[in-house]
N, C-alpha and C. Protein backbone atom coordinates (compact mmCIF):
# COMPACT_ATOMS: atom_id res chain seq x y z
N UNK A 1 97.54 -70.52 160.01
CA UNK A 1 97.42 -69.14 160.00
C UNK A 1 96.56 -68.75 160.68
N UNK A 2 96.05 -68.36 161.71
CA UNK A 2 94.88 -67.72 162.18
C UNK A 2 93.98 -66.98 160.81
N UNK A 3 93.00 -66.65 160.87
CA UNK A 3 92.18 -65.90 160.34
C UNK A 3 91.56 -64.75 160.79
N UNK A 4 91.88 -63.42 160.75
CA UNK A 4 90.98 -62.60 161.22
C UNK A 4 90.10 -61.70 160.72
N UNK A 5 89.34 -62.34 160.97
CA UNK A 5 88.03 -60.97 160.04
C UNK A 5 88.06 -59.60 160.07
N UNK A 6 87.10 -59.15 158.89
CA UNK A 6 87.43 -57.26 158.72
C UNK A 6 86.26 -57.17 159.45
N UNK A 7 86.30 -56.32 160.04
CA UNK A 7 84.56 -55.76 161.41
C UNK A 7 84.46 -54.43 160.82
N UNK A 8 83.55 -54.55 160.32
CA UNK A 8 83.40 -52.50 160.51
C UNK A 8 82.45 -51.71 161.01
N UNK A 9 82.32 -50.91 161.42
CA UNK A 9 81.80 -49.92 162.43
C UNK A 9 81.63 -49.18 161.82
N UNK A 10 80.20 -48.79 162.21
CA UNK A 10 79.64 -47.24 161.06
C UNK A 10 78.90 -46.61 162.01
N UNK A 11 79.47 -45.13 162.19
CA UNK A 11 78.37 -44.12 162.88
C UNK A 11 77.04 -43.84 161.89
N UNK A 12 75.99 -43.40 163.16
CA UNK A 12 74.18 -43.23 162.55
C UNK A 12 74.19 -42.04 162.08
N UNK A 13 74.57 -40.68 162.92
CA UNK A 13 74.14 -39.75 162.73
C UNK A 13 75.13 -38.92 161.64
N UNK A 14 74.74 -38.58 160.72
CA UNK A 14 75.76 -37.43 159.53
C UNK A 14 76.31 -38.16 158.89
N UNK A 15 76.32 -39.71 159.19
CA UNK A 15 76.88 -41.01 158.33
C UNK A 15 75.79 -41.59 157.03
N UNK A 16 75.00 -41.74 157.92
CA UNK A 16 73.97 -42.44 157.68
C UNK A 16 72.38 -41.55 157.27
N UNK A 17 71.89 -40.86 158.67
CA UNK A 17 70.93 -39.93 158.74
C UNK A 17 71.52 -38.49 157.87
N UNK A 18 71.00 -38.25 156.72
CA UNK A 18 71.08 -36.68 156.50
C UNK A 18 71.00 -35.88 157.19
N UNK A 19 71.41 -35.23 157.87
CA UNK A 19 71.26 -34.33 158.95
C UNK A 19 71.42 -32.72 158.35
N UNK A 20 72.48 -32.88 157.19
CA UNK A 20 72.76 -31.39 156.74
C UNK A 20 71.70 -31.12 155.66
N UNK A 21 70.78 -32.26 154.82
CA UNK A 21 69.29 -31.73 153.68
C UNK A 21 68.30 -31.71 155.04
N UNK A 22 68.55 -32.36 156.58
CA UNK A 22 66.68 -31.81 157.06
C UNK A 22 66.98 -31.59 157.99
N UNK A 23 68.35 -30.94 159.21
CA UNK A 23 67.97 -29.22 159.81
C UNK A 23 67.41 -28.60 159.58
N UNK A 24 66.68 -27.88 160.59
CA UNK A 24 66.39 -26.80 159.58
C UNK A 24 64.92 -26.71 159.38
N UNK A 25 64.56 -27.78 159.58
CA UNK A 25 63.20 -27.83 158.26
C UNK A 25 62.46 -29.12 159.19
N UNK A 26 60.98 -29.16 158.79
CA UNK A 26 60.35 -30.21 159.48
C UNK A 26 60.18 -31.57 160.08
N UNK A 27 61.29 -31.64 158.39
CA UNK A 27 62.17 -33.04 158.96
C UNK A 27 63.35 -32.99 159.58
N UNK A 28 64.03 -32.75 160.22
CA UNK A 28 64.55 -32.31 161.55
C UNK A 28 64.51 -33.88 161.59
N UNK A 29 65.96 -34.55 162.42
CA UNK A 29 66.16 -36.04 163.25
C UNK A 29 65.72 -35.12 165.14
N UNK A 30 65.09 -34.13 164.94
CA UNK A 30 65.24 -33.98 166.55
C UNK A 30 64.04 -33.13 166.22
N UNK A 31 63.22 -32.84 165.50
CA UNK A 31 61.76 -32.82 165.73
C UNK A 31 60.86 -34.49 165.27
N UNK A 32 59.18 -33.68 166.19
CA UNK A 32 58.93 -33.92 165.82
C UNK A 32 58.41 -35.67 164.72
N UNK A 33 59.06 -35.24 163.68
CA UNK A 33 58.69 -36.27 162.07
C UNK A 33 60.05 -36.63 162.06
N UNK A 34 60.80 -36.69 162.94
CA UNK A 34 61.65 -37.64 162.40
C UNK A 34 62.05 -38.70 161.98
N UNK A 35 60.95 -39.85 161.60
CA UNK A 35 60.30 -40.54 160.89
C UNK A 35 60.84 -40.14 159.27
N UNK A 36 60.45 -38.89 159.04
CA UNK A 36 60.65 -38.23 157.96
C UNK A 36 61.75 -37.93 157.04
N UNK A 37 63.18 -37.52 158.26
CA UNK A 37 64.30 -37.27 157.76
C UNK A 37 64.44 -38.77 156.97
N UNK A 38 65.64 -38.35 156.02
CA UNK A 38 66.09 -39.21 154.92
C UNK A 38 67.59 -39.70 155.04
N UNK A 39 68.07 -40.31 154.46
CA UNK A 39 68.73 -41.03 154.49
C UNK A 39 69.79 -40.10 153.34
N UNK A 40 71.33 -40.31 153.98
CA UNK A 40 72.18 -39.86 153.00
C UNK A 40 71.95 -40.68 151.41
N UNK A 41 72.39 -40.01 150.20
CA UNK A 41 72.40 -40.45 149.14
C UNK A 41 73.78 -41.41 149.10
N UNK A 42 72.62 -43.09 148.93
CA UNK A 42 73.60 -43.83 148.42
C UNK A 42 74.15 -45.01 149.96
N UNK A 43 73.45 -44.10 150.78
CA UNK A 43 73.94 -45.33 152.26
C UNK A 43 73.49 -46.53 152.77
N UNK A 44 72.38 -46.80 152.26
CA UNK A 44 71.53 -48.12 151.96
C UNK A 44 72.21 -49.15 151.35
N UNK A 45 72.54 -48.41 149.76
CA UNK A 45 72.59 -49.74 149.25
C UNK A 45 74.67 -49.81 149.42
N UNK A 46 75.30 -48.96 149.85
CA UNK A 46 76.60 -49.28 149.80
C UNK A 46 76.86 -50.02 150.79
N UNK A 47 76.56 -49.33 152.24
CA UNK A 47 76.18 -50.67 153.14
C UNK A 47 75.86 -51.80 153.14
N UNK A 48 74.65 -52.26 152.58
CA UNK A 48 74.44 -53.57 151.70
C UNK A 48 75.60 -54.26 150.79
N UNK A 49 76.21 -53.44 150.39
CA UNK A 49 77.15 -53.78 149.82
C UNK A 49 78.37 -54.12 151.00
N UNK A 50 78.56 -53.67 151.32
CA UNK A 50 79.32 -53.86 152.54
C UNK A 50 79.35 -55.34 153.26
N UNK A 51 78.31 -55.38 153.88
CA UNK A 51 77.28 -56.05 154.71
C UNK A 51 78.08 -58.37 153.71
N UNK A 52 77.28 -57.56 152.31
CA UNK A 52 77.96 -58.67 151.31
C UNK A 52 79.15 -58.99 151.66
N UNK A 53 79.93 -58.40 151.50
CA UNK A 53 81.57 -58.47 152.03
C UNK A 53 82.04 -59.01 152.92
N UNK A 54 81.86 -58.36 154.53
CA UNK A 54 82.35 -58.21 155.57
C UNK A 54 81.51 -59.24 156.26
N UNK A 55 80.41 -59.50 154.92
CA UNK A 55 79.44 -61.15 156.53
C UNK A 55 78.68 -60.08 157.53
N UNK A 56 77.42 -60.11 157.43
CA UNK A 56 76.74 -59.24 158.47
C UNK A 56 77.21 -59.68 159.71
N UNK A 57 78.08 -60.70 160.58
CA UNK A 57 77.91 -61.09 161.63
C UNK A 57 79.44 -59.92 162.04
N UNK A 58 80.01 -59.39 160.64
CA UNK A 58 80.48 -58.86 160.81
C UNK A 58 80.93 -56.57 160.68
N UNK A 59 79.64 -56.47 160.51
CA UNK A 59 78.98 -55.13 160.23
C UNK A 59 78.52 -54.28 161.55
N UNK A 60 78.55 -53.65 162.73
CA UNK A 60 78.00 -53.02 163.47
C UNK A 60 77.98 -51.58 163.59
N UNK A 61 76.69 -50.82 164.01
CA UNK A 61 76.41 -49.73 163.55
C UNK A 61 76.58 -49.65 165.29
N UNK A 62 77.71 -47.62 165.45
CA UNK A 62 78.34 -47.88 167.04
C UNK A 62 78.00 -46.37 166.56
N UNK A 63 77.49 -45.72 167.82
CA UNK A 63 76.19 -44.04 167.84
C UNK A 63 77.13 -43.95 169.27
N UNK A 64 76.65 -42.57 169.44
CA UNK A 64 76.77 -42.13 170.55
C UNK A 64 75.62 -40.93 171.06
N UNK A 65 74.49 -41.38 171.91
CA UNK A 65 73.44 -40.39 172.15
C UNK A 65 73.20 -40.97 173.02
N UNK A 66 72.34 -40.13 173.58
CA UNK A 66 71.67 -40.40 174.86
C UNK A 66 70.36 -41.26 174.78
N UNK A 67 69.74 -41.65 175.86
CA UNK A 67 68.59 -42.70 175.63
C UNK A 67 67.34 -42.78 175.01
N UNK A 68 66.93 -41.49 174.47
CA UNK A 68 65.79 -40.91 173.72
C UNK A 68 66.18 -40.68 172.15
N UNK A 69 67.56 -40.43 172.00
CA UNK A 69 68.02 -40.35 170.49
C UNK A 69 68.16 -42.17 170.63
N UNK A 70 68.75 -42.75 170.90
CA UNK A 70 69.17 -44.47 170.93
C UNK A 70 67.48 -44.72 170.78
N UNK A 71 66.46 -44.44 170.96
CA UNK A 71 65.33 -45.04 171.04
C UNK A 71 64.67 -44.74 169.10
N UNK A 72 65.13 -43.41 168.89
CA UNK A 72 64.48 -42.66 167.75
C UNK A 72 65.08 -43.06 166.79
N UNK A 73 66.21 -43.79 166.69
CA UNK A 73 67.25 -43.86 165.83
C UNK A 73 67.10 -45.40 165.54
N UNK A 74 66.32 -46.12 166.86
CA UNK A 74 65.91 -47.65 166.40
C UNK A 74 64.45 -47.58 166.00
N UNK A 75 64.29 -46.12 165.67
CA UNK A 75 62.52 -46.53 165.31
C UNK A 75 63.18 -46.19 164.35
N UNK A 76 63.66 -45.19 163.40
CA UNK A 76 63.84 -44.50 162.63
C UNK A 76 65.01 -45.71 161.59
N UNK A 77 65.42 -46.49 161.66
CA UNK A 77 66.36 -47.49 161.33
C UNK A 77 64.83 -48.21 160.71
N UNK A 78 63.85 -48.75 161.70
CA UNK A 78 63.15 -49.86 161.16
C UNK A 78 61.82 -48.94 160.35
N UNK A 79 62.00 -47.98 160.55
CA UNK A 79 60.96 -47.27 159.83
C UNK A 79 61.34 -47.02 158.24
N UNK A 80 63.11 -47.15 158.34
CA UNK A 80 63.04 -46.97 156.47
C UNK A 80 63.20 -48.55 156.58
N UNK A 81 63.27 -49.69 157.39
CA UNK A 81 63.63 -50.90 156.33
C UNK A 81 64.92 -50.92 156.47
N UNK A 82 65.36 -50.61 157.21
CA UNK A 82 67.00 -50.21 157.29
C UNK A 82 67.48 -52.04 156.85
N UNK A 83 67.56 -52.59 158.32
CA UNK A 83 67.96 -53.53 158.39
C UNK A 83 67.77 -54.83 157.17
N UNK A 84 66.77 -55.00 156.64
CA UNK A 84 66.48 -55.65 155.82
C UNK A 84 67.11 -55.40 154.29
N UNK A 85 66.73 -53.45 154.25
CA UNK A 85 67.64 -53.36 153.41
C UNK A 85 68.96 -53.28 152.77
N UNK A 86 69.88 -53.60 154.16
CA UNK A 86 71.05 -54.06 154.03
C UNK A 86 71.67 -55.37 153.92
N UNK A 87 70.39 -55.87 155.07
CA UNK A 87 71.18 -57.05 154.99
C UNK A 87 72.17 -57.34 156.65
N UNK A 88 71.78 -56.06 157.33
CA UNK A 88 72.58 -56.11 158.51
C UNK A 88 72.04 -57.36 159.79
N UNK A 89 72.24 -57.11 160.69
CA UNK A 89 71.67 -57.81 161.88
C UNK A 89 70.65 -56.76 162.62
N UNK A 90 69.87 -57.11 163.07
CA UNK A 90 68.94 -55.66 163.51
C UNK A 90 69.30 -55.68 165.45
N UNK A 91 70.67 -56.63 165.58
CA UNK A 91 70.92 -56.54 166.80
C UNK A 91 72.19 -56.41 167.08
N UNK A 92 72.54 -55.83 165.74
CA UNK A 92 74.45 -55.55 165.72
C UNK A 92 74.23 -53.44 165.34
N UNK A 93 74.15 -53.32 167.42
CA UNK A 93 74.47 -51.77 166.94
C UNK A 93 74.55 -51.68 168.46
N UNK A 94 75.51 -51.10 169.02
CA UNK A 94 76.17 -50.34 170.22
C UNK A 94 76.33 -49.15 170.69
N UNK A 95 75.65 -48.52 171.45
CA UNK A 95 75.02 -47.16 171.38
C UNK A 95 76.07 -47.41 172.85
N UNK A 96 76.76 -45.57 173.12
CA UNK A 96 77.51 -45.40 173.63
C UNK A 96 77.24 -43.96 174.54
N UNK A 97 76.70 -43.25 175.31
CA UNK A 97 76.33 -41.97 175.76
C UNK A 97 77.86 -41.10 175.60
N UNK A 98 79.09 -40.85 175.73
CA UNK A 98 79.86 -40.24 175.41
C UNK A 98 81.21 -40.54 174.37
N UNK A 99 81.66 -40.30 173.45
CA UNK A 99 82.45 -40.40 172.83
C UNK A 99 83.56 -41.06 172.14
N UNK A 100 84.05 -40.74 173.64
CA UNK A 100 85.38 -41.83 174.52
C UNK A 100 85.15 -43.01 174.25
N UNK A 101 84.13 -44.02 174.59
CA UNK A 101 83.97 -45.07 174.67
C UNK A 101 83.34 -45.61 173.18
N UNK A 102 83.50 -44.93 172.21
CA UNK A 102 83.57 -45.49 170.73
C UNK A 102 84.40 -46.40 170.52
N UNK A 103 86.42 -46.04 170.76
CA UNK A 103 87.30 -46.46 170.99
C UNK A 103 87.06 -48.01 171.36
N UNK A 104 86.67 -47.69 172.78
CA UNK A 104 86.70 -49.12 173.46
C UNK A 104 85.29 -49.97 172.55
N UNK A 105 84.38 -49.67 172.61
CA UNK A 105 83.84 -50.31 171.74
C UNK A 105 84.34 -51.77 170.78
N UNK A 106 85.25 -50.88 169.96
CA UNK A 106 85.75 -50.95 168.42
C UNK A 106 86.74 -51.51 168.76
N UNK A 107 87.81 -51.89 169.83
CA UNK A 107 88.93 -52.36 170.52
C UNK A 107 87.65 -54.08 170.71
N UNK A 108 87.00 -53.72 171.67
CA UNK A 108 86.72 -55.13 172.01
C UNK A 108 85.42 -55.98 170.96
N UNK A 109 85.22 -54.85 169.95
CA UNK A 109 84.86 -55.92 168.73
C UNK A 109 85.32 -56.61 167.83
N UNK A 110 86.64 -56.02 167.63
CA UNK A 110 87.73 -56.06 166.92
C UNK A 110 87.54 -55.37 165.56
N UNK A 111 86.56 -54.01 165.50
CA UNK A 111 86.51 -53.40 164.23
C UNK A 111 88.01 -52.96 163.55
N UNK A 112 87.72 -53.17 162.53
CA UNK A 112 89.20 -53.19 161.44
C UNK A 112 89.03 -51.80 160.66
N UNK A 113 87.60 -51.77 160.65
CA UNK A 113 86.77 -50.46 159.50
C UNK A 113 86.33 -49.76 160.47
N UNK A 114 86.84 -48.10 160.23
CA UNK A 114 85.24 -47.56 161.13
C UNK A 114 84.91 -46.08 159.86
N UNK A 115 83.53 -45.81 160.14
CA UNK A 115 82.96 -44.30 159.40
C UNK A 115 82.63 -43.56 160.17
N UNK A 116 82.97 -42.66 160.27
CA UNK A 116 82.40 -41.36 161.06
C UNK A 116 82.58 -39.57 160.70
N UNK A 117 81.30 -39.14 161.35
CA UNK A 117 81.53 -37.35 160.26
C UNK A 117 82.62 -37.20 161.36
N UNK A 118 83.28 -37.65 162.59
CA UNK A 118 83.47 -36.63 163.83
C UNK A 118 84.75 -37.02 163.64
N UNK A 119 86.64 -36.27 163.01
CA UNK A 119 87.84 -36.46 163.24
C UNK A 119 88.34 -36.98 164.06
N UNK A 120 87.61 -36.24 165.56
CA UNK A 120 87.71 -36.49 167.14
C UNK A 120 88.01 -37.91 167.13
N UNK A 121 86.83 -38.36 166.78
CA UNK A 121 86.25 -39.71 167.51
C UNK A 121 87.10 -40.78 166.67
N UNK A 122 87.48 -40.37 165.19
CA UNK A 122 88.67 -41.66 164.18
C UNK A 122 90.38 -41.23 165.24
N UNK A 123 90.40 -40.10 165.04
CA UNK A 123 91.92 -39.80 165.92
C UNK A 123 91.82 -41.10 167.30
N UNK A 124 91.04 -40.61 167.96
CA UNK A 124 91.42 -41.44 169.50
C UNK A 124 90.94 -43.42 168.85
N UNK A 125 90.86 -43.42 167.77
CA UNK A 125 91.13 -45.02 167.52
C UNK A 125 91.82 -45.31 167.01
N UNK A 126 93.34 -44.11 166.59
CA UNK A 126 94.60 -44.63 166.30
C UNK A 126 94.92 -45.72 167.01
N UNK A 127 95.55 -46.70 166.27
CA UNK A 127 96.43 -47.39 167.66
C UNK A 127 95.49 -48.93 167.45
N UNK A 128 93.65 -48.97 167.12
CA UNK A 128 92.92 -49.61 167.60
C UNK A 128 92.08 -50.31 166.57
N UNK A 129 92.04 -49.16 165.51
CA UNK A 129 91.07 -49.38 163.98
C UNK A 129 92.36 -48.45 163.13
N UNK A 130 92.16 -50.29 162.22
CA UNK A 130 93.20 -49.90 161.20
C UNK A 130 93.30 -48.50 159.85
N UNK A 131 91.79 -48.74 159.39
CA UNK A 131 91.15 -47.91 158.19
C UNK A 131 89.97 -47.45 158.83
N UNK A 132 90.44 -46.29 159.18
CA UNK A 132 89.59 -44.77 159.54
C UNK A 132 89.21 -43.85 158.43
N UNK A 133 87.65 -43.16 158.67
CA UNK A 133 87.37 -42.84 156.75
C UNK A 133 86.16 -41.99 157.93
N UNK A 134 86.98 -40.40 157.63
CA UNK A 134 86.17 -39.32 157.86
C UNK A 134 84.75 -38.74 156.92
N UNK A 135 83.88 -39.67 157.36
CA UNK A 135 82.77 -38.92 156.48
C UNK A 135 82.75 -37.88 156.76
N UNK A 136 82.37 -36.65 155.61
CA UNK A 136 81.69 -35.16 155.08
C UNK A 136 81.88 -34.52 156.59
N UNK A 137 83.36 -34.19 156.90
CA UNK A 137 83.59 -33.62 157.88
C UNK A 137 83.78 -32.08 157.54
N UNK A 138 83.50 -30.90 158.41
CA UNK A 138 83.12 -29.94 158.57
C UNK A 138 84.55 -29.29 158.32
N UNK A 139 84.68 -28.18 157.60
CA UNK A 139 85.95 -27.44 158.08
C UNK A 139 86.63 -27.04 159.20
N UNK A 140 85.81 -26.99 160.01
CA UNK A 140 85.74 -26.55 161.38
C UNK A 140 86.56 -27.63 162.25
N UNK A 141 85.51 -29.06 162.24
CA UNK A 141 86.27 -30.27 162.71
C UNK A 141 88.07 -30.60 161.84
N UNK A 142 88.35 -30.06 160.81
CA UNK A 142 89.07 -30.85 159.99
C UNK A 142 90.51 -29.89 160.66
N UNK A 143 90.32 -28.65 160.79
CA UNK A 143 90.94 -27.47 161.42
C UNK A 143 91.37 -28.64 162.23
N UNK A 144 90.38 -28.32 163.43
CA UNK A 144 90.61 -28.70 164.36
C UNK A 144 91.83 -29.90 164.96
N UNK A 145 91.88 -30.60 163.91
CA UNK A 145 92.44 -32.52 164.38
C UNK A 145 93.46 -32.45 163.55
N UNK A 146 93.70 -31.16 162.45
CA UNK A 146 94.38 -31.25 161.54
C UNK A 146 96.23 -32.12 162.04
N UNK A 147 96.27 -31.56 163.03
CA UNK A 147 97.55 -31.51 163.54
C UNK A 147 98.03 -33.00 164.22
N UNK A 148 96.53 -34.18 164.42
CA UNK A 148 96.19 -35.04 164.81
C UNK A 148 96.20 -35.84 164.00
N UNK A 149 95.55 -36.14 162.49
CA UNK A 149 95.25 -37.18 161.94
C UNK A 149 96.56 -37.89 161.05
N UNK A 150 96.46 -38.83 161.00
CA UNK A 150 98.19 -40.07 160.90
C UNK A 150 97.18 -41.41 160.06
N UNK A 151 96.78 -41.23 159.02
CA UNK A 151 96.12 -42.76 158.58
C UNK A 151 94.54 -42.22 157.74
N UNK A 152 93.84 -41.60 158.62
CA UNK A 152 92.43 -41.19 158.54
C UNK A 152 92.41 -40.88 156.79
N UNK A 153 91.29 -41.29 156.54
CA UNK A 153 90.83 -41.22 155.13
C UNK A 153 89.81 -40.13 154.83
N UNK A 154 89.81 -38.98 154.38
CA UNK A 154 88.40 -37.91 154.20
C UNK A 154 87.62 -38.09 152.62
N UNK A 155 86.70 -38.67 153.48
CA UNK A 155 85.24 -38.75 151.86
C UNK A 155 83.99 -38.11 152.37
N UNK A 156 83.95 -37.46 151.46
CA UNK A 156 82.20 -36.95 151.37
C UNK A 156 81.16 -37.63 150.43
N UNK A 157 80.98 -38.71 150.28
CA UNK A 157 80.05 -39.14 150.03
C UNK A 157 80.44 -41.06 149.72
N UNK A 158 79.32 -41.75 150.36
CA UNK A 158 79.24 -43.05 150.16
C UNK A 158 78.93 -43.76 148.67
N UNK A 159 79.29 -43.09 147.71
CA UNK A 159 79.92 -43.32 146.19
C UNK A 159 81.66 -43.66 146.18
N UNK A 160 82.10 -42.56 146.75
CA UNK A 160 83.02 -41.96 146.71
C UNK A 160 84.58 -43.52 148.17
N UNK A 161 83.26 -43.40 149.43
CA UNK A 161 83.81 -44.27 149.73
C UNK A 161 83.91 -45.84 149.48
N UNK A 162 82.81 -46.16 149.11
CA UNK A 162 82.83 -47.26 148.89
C UNK A 162 84.21 -48.14 148.02
N UNK A 163 84.68 -47.55 147.36
CA UNK A 163 86.01 -48.53 146.36
C UNK A 163 87.12 -48.45 148.00
N UNK A 164 87.19 -47.55 148.60
CA UNK A 164 87.98 -47.32 149.39
C UNK A 164 88.07 -48.78 150.45
N UNK A 165 86.76 -48.66 151.04
CA UNK A 165 86.54 -49.82 152.12
C UNK A 165 86.65 -51.02 151.46
N UNK A 166 86.64 -51.25 150.24
CA UNK A 166 85.86 -52.41 149.51
C UNK A 166 87.33 -52.97 148.82
N UNK A 167 88.37 -51.68 148.59
CA UNK A 167 89.71 -52.12 147.99
C UNK A 167 90.97 -52.33 148.66
N UNK A 168 90.29 -52.30 150.69
CA UNK A 168 91.28 -53.08 152.16
C UNK A 168 90.61 -54.13 151.98
N UNK A 169 90.07 -55.11 151.46
CA UNK A 169 89.66 -56.46 151.58
C UNK A 169 89.82 -57.33 150.70
């Protein structure tokens, strides 16, 4: 019997980086002080637990952003010692310029679990990614995609997410 590993994909903005607490302040990610933007509570610790269970070669950051934000994201991750704190491979990231490209990246990597704040992204992964988690989505986002959700799980925090993901392994 062939063993197919579980593989995890994680979005960065509003999933790891705490936009809600920082937007509109001098520590907003899109400000000059972007390195001072904080992470969501429990993100690094929970991702570290996921890395231990999935194994480092099976965990990826997958994010849609332009070239400037790609550079800022990598600088932010390095500044906050993300790779060392979580045990993730510092080369385990994929960026794309358009949201629909995330599903193709997940298919190519064999992602089985994906965490994103946008229902739109997760709906596009139906039939590709088995376990899809909508991380603290806006009410507007949920209303817009309510008729398209098929098995996506809505979570509001890393504490809520952790047992759901680990329970599938």
